[in-house]
Amino acid sequence: MGDLMLRDGDEFFKLSFLKRFLLGTNGIIAGGCFKNIFNGERVKDIDIFFRDKRDLSDVNKKYQDNSDFTLLKNFMNV
């Protein structure tokens, strides 16, 4: 049970492209994108969750003029 092994994040190279979605945010990526990545499938979407409304608002301001990013759903009360 006490055999926790620390690993370098670069070891998981398949996930490295996700860094660009989190830079400068307090977001957490979850959802089916991980299944898609590890099964070699096309990633359909990336679910990013935020701890509070302020974090979400900050990200919306940061990316509002960037056409590479689109807010598809905004579940503020989940």
C-alpha atoms as a PDB file:
ATOM      1  CA  MET A   1       0.000   0.000   0.000  1.00  0.00           C
ATOM      2  CA  GLY A   2       2.891   2.372   0.696  1.00  0.00           C
ATOM      3  CA  ASP A   3       4.521   1.769  -2.684  1.00  0.00           C
ATOM      4  CA  LEU A   4       3.480   5.043  -4.291  1.00  0.00           C
ATOM      5  CA  MET A   5       5.619   5.759  -7.338  1.00  0.00           C
ATOM      6  CA  LEU A   6       6.080   9.318  -8.556  1.00  0.00           C
ATOM      7  CA  ARG A   7       6.349   9.690 -12.312  1.00  0.00           C
ATOM      8  CA  ASP A   8       7.344  12.483 -14.632  1.00  0.00           C
ATOM      9  CA  GLY A   9       4.400  13.966 -16.527  1.00  0.00           C
ATOM     10  CA  ASP A  10       6.327  13.745 -19.794  1.00  0.00           C
ATOM     11  CA  GLU A  11       6.193   9.985 -19.427  1.00  0.00           C
ATOM     12  CA  PHE A  12       2.564  10.214 -20.476  1.00  0.00           C
ATOM     13  CA  PHE A  13       3.284  11.736 -23.893  1.00  0.00           C
ATOM     14  CA  LYS A  14      -0.173  10.903 -25.230  1.00  0.00           C
ATOM     15  CA  LEU A  15      -1.599  13.402 -22.764  1.00  0.00           C
ATOM     16  CA  SER A  16       0.901  16.201 -23.389  1.00  0.00           C
ATOM     17  CA  PHE A  17      -1.301  18.020 -25.920  1.00  0.00           C
ATOM     18  CA  LEU A  18      -3.876  18.609 -23.156  1.00  0.00           C
ATOM     19  CA  LYS A  19      -1.511  21.050 -21.420  1.00  0.00           C
ATOM     20  CA  ARG A  20      -2.481  23.827 -23.826  1.00  0.00           C
ATOM     21  CA  PHE A  21      -6.076  23.687 -22.608  1.00  0.00           C
ATOM     22  CA  LEU A  22      -5.087  24.198 -18.983  1.00  0.00           C
ATOM     23  CA  LEU A  23      -2.299  26.771 -19.220  1.00  0.00           C
ATOM     24  CA  GLY A  24      -3.173  29.767 -17.097  1.00  0.00           C
ATOM     25  CA  THR A  25      -6.314  28.170 -15.670  1.00  0.00           C
ATOM     26  CA  ASN A  26      -7.420  26.337 -12.562  1.00  0.00           C
ATOM     27  CA  GLY A  27      -9.273  23.785 -14.661  1.00  0.00           C
ATOM     28  CA  ILE A  28      -9.442  20.029 -14.314  1.00  0.00           C
ATOM     29  CA  ILE A  29      -9.837  17.811 -17.389  1.00  0.00           C
ATOM     30  CA  ALA A  30     -12.172  14.839 -17.022  1.00  0.00           C
ATOM     31  CA  GLY A  31     -14.416  12.729 -19.172  1.00  0.00           C
ATOM     32  CA  GLY A  32     -14.244  10.529 -22.198  1.00  0.00           C
ATOM     33  CA  CYS A  33     -11.276  12.232 -23.841  1.00  0.00           C
ATOM     34  CA  PHE A  34      -8.966   9.954 -21.845  1.00  0.00           C
ATOM     35  CA  LYS A  35     -10.675   6.835 -23.199  1.00  0.00           C
ATOM     36  CA  ASN A  36     -10.386   8.242 -26.727  1.00  0.00           C
ATOM     37  CA  ILE A  37      -6.693   9.074 -26.300  1.00  0.00           C
ATOM     38  CA  PHE A  38      -5.663   5.711 -24.897  1.00  0.00           C
ATOM     39  CA  ASN A  39      -7.749   3.789 -27.442  1.00  0.00           C
ATOM     40  CA  GLY A  40      -6.166   5.747 -30.313  1.00  0.00           C
ATOM     41  CA  GLU A  41      -9.513   7.314 -31.231  1.00  0.00           C
ATOM     42  CA  ARG A  42     -10.279  10.863 -32.317  1.00  0.00           C
ATOM     43  CA  VAL A  43     -10.978  13.102 -29.309  1.00  0.00           C
ATOM     44  CA  LYS A  44     -14.536  14.387 -29.707  1.00  0.00           C
ATOM     45  CA  ASP A  45     -14.417  16.987 -26.964  1.00  0.00           C
ATOM     46  CA  ILE A  46     -12.537  17.865 -23.818  1.00  0.00           C
ATOM     47  CA  ASP A  47     -14.494  18.381 -20.620  1.00  0.00           C
ATOM     48  CA  ILE A  48     -12.881  20.978 -18.372  1.00  0.00           C
ATOM     49  CA  PHE A  49     -14.293  21.635 -14.940  1.00  0.00           C
ATOM     50  CA  PHE A  50     -13.601  24.596 -12.657  1.00  0.00           C
ATOM     51  CA  ARG A  51     -13.739  24.909  -8.906  1.00  0.00           C
ATOM     52  CA  ASP A  52     -15.928  27.994  -8.888  1.00  0.00           C
ATOM     53  CA  LYS A  53     -17.646  30.631 -11.034  1.00  0.00           C
ATOM     54  CA  ARG A  54     -14.678  32.986 -10.820  1.00  0.00           C
ATOM     55  CA  ASP A  55     -12.293  30.443 -12.380  1.00  0.00           C
ATOM     56  CA  LEU A  56     -14.793  29.817 -15.199  1.00  0.00           C
ATOM     57  CA  SER A  57     -15.279  33.544 -15.750  1.00  0.00           C
ATOM     58  CA  ASP A  58     -11.496  34.120 -15.891  1.00  0.00           C
ATOM     59  CA  VAL A  59     -11.117  31.412 -18.555  1.00  0.00           C
ATOM     60  CA  ASN A  60     -14.023  32.799 -20.593  1.00  0.00           C
ATOM     61  CA  LYS A  61     -12.345  36.223 -20.617  1.00  0.00           C
ATOM     62  CA  LYS A  62      -8.980  34.723 -21.550  1.00  0.00           C
ATOM     63  CA  TYR A  63     -10.284  32.727 -24.514  1.00  0.00           C
ATOM     64  CA  GLN A  64     -13.303  34.735 -25.690  1.00  0.00           C
ATOM     65  CA  ASP A  65     -11.520  35.988 -28.827  1.00  0.00           C
ATOM     66  CA  ASN A  66      -9.692  32.727 -29.596  1.00  0.00           C
ATOM     67  CA  SER A  67     -11.489  30.715 -32.282  1.00  0.00           C
ATOM     68  CA  ASP A  68      -9.631  27.528 -31.241  1.00  0.00           C
ATOM     69  CA  PHE A  69     -11.683  27.390 -28.031  1.00  0.00           C
ATOM     70  CA  THR A  70     -15.463  27.225 -27.734  1.00  0.00           C
ATOM     71  CA  LEU A  71     -17.589  27.091 -24.610  1.00  0.00           C
ATOM     72  CA  LEU A  72     -20.223  24.531 -25.514  1.00  0.00           C
ATOM     73  CA  LYS A  73     -22.053  24.162 -22.229  1.00  0.00           C
ATOM     74  CA  ASN A  74     -21.997  26.201 -19.095  1.00  0.00           C
ATOM     75  CA  PHE A  75     -23.304  24.278 -16.100  1.00  0.00           C
ATOM     76  CA  MET A  76     -22.778  26.853 -13.384  1.00  0.00           C
ATOM     77  CA  ASN A  77     -24.782  25.002 -10.730  1.00  0.00           C
ATOM     78  CA  VAL A  78     -23.506  21.471 -11.153  1.00  0.00           C
END
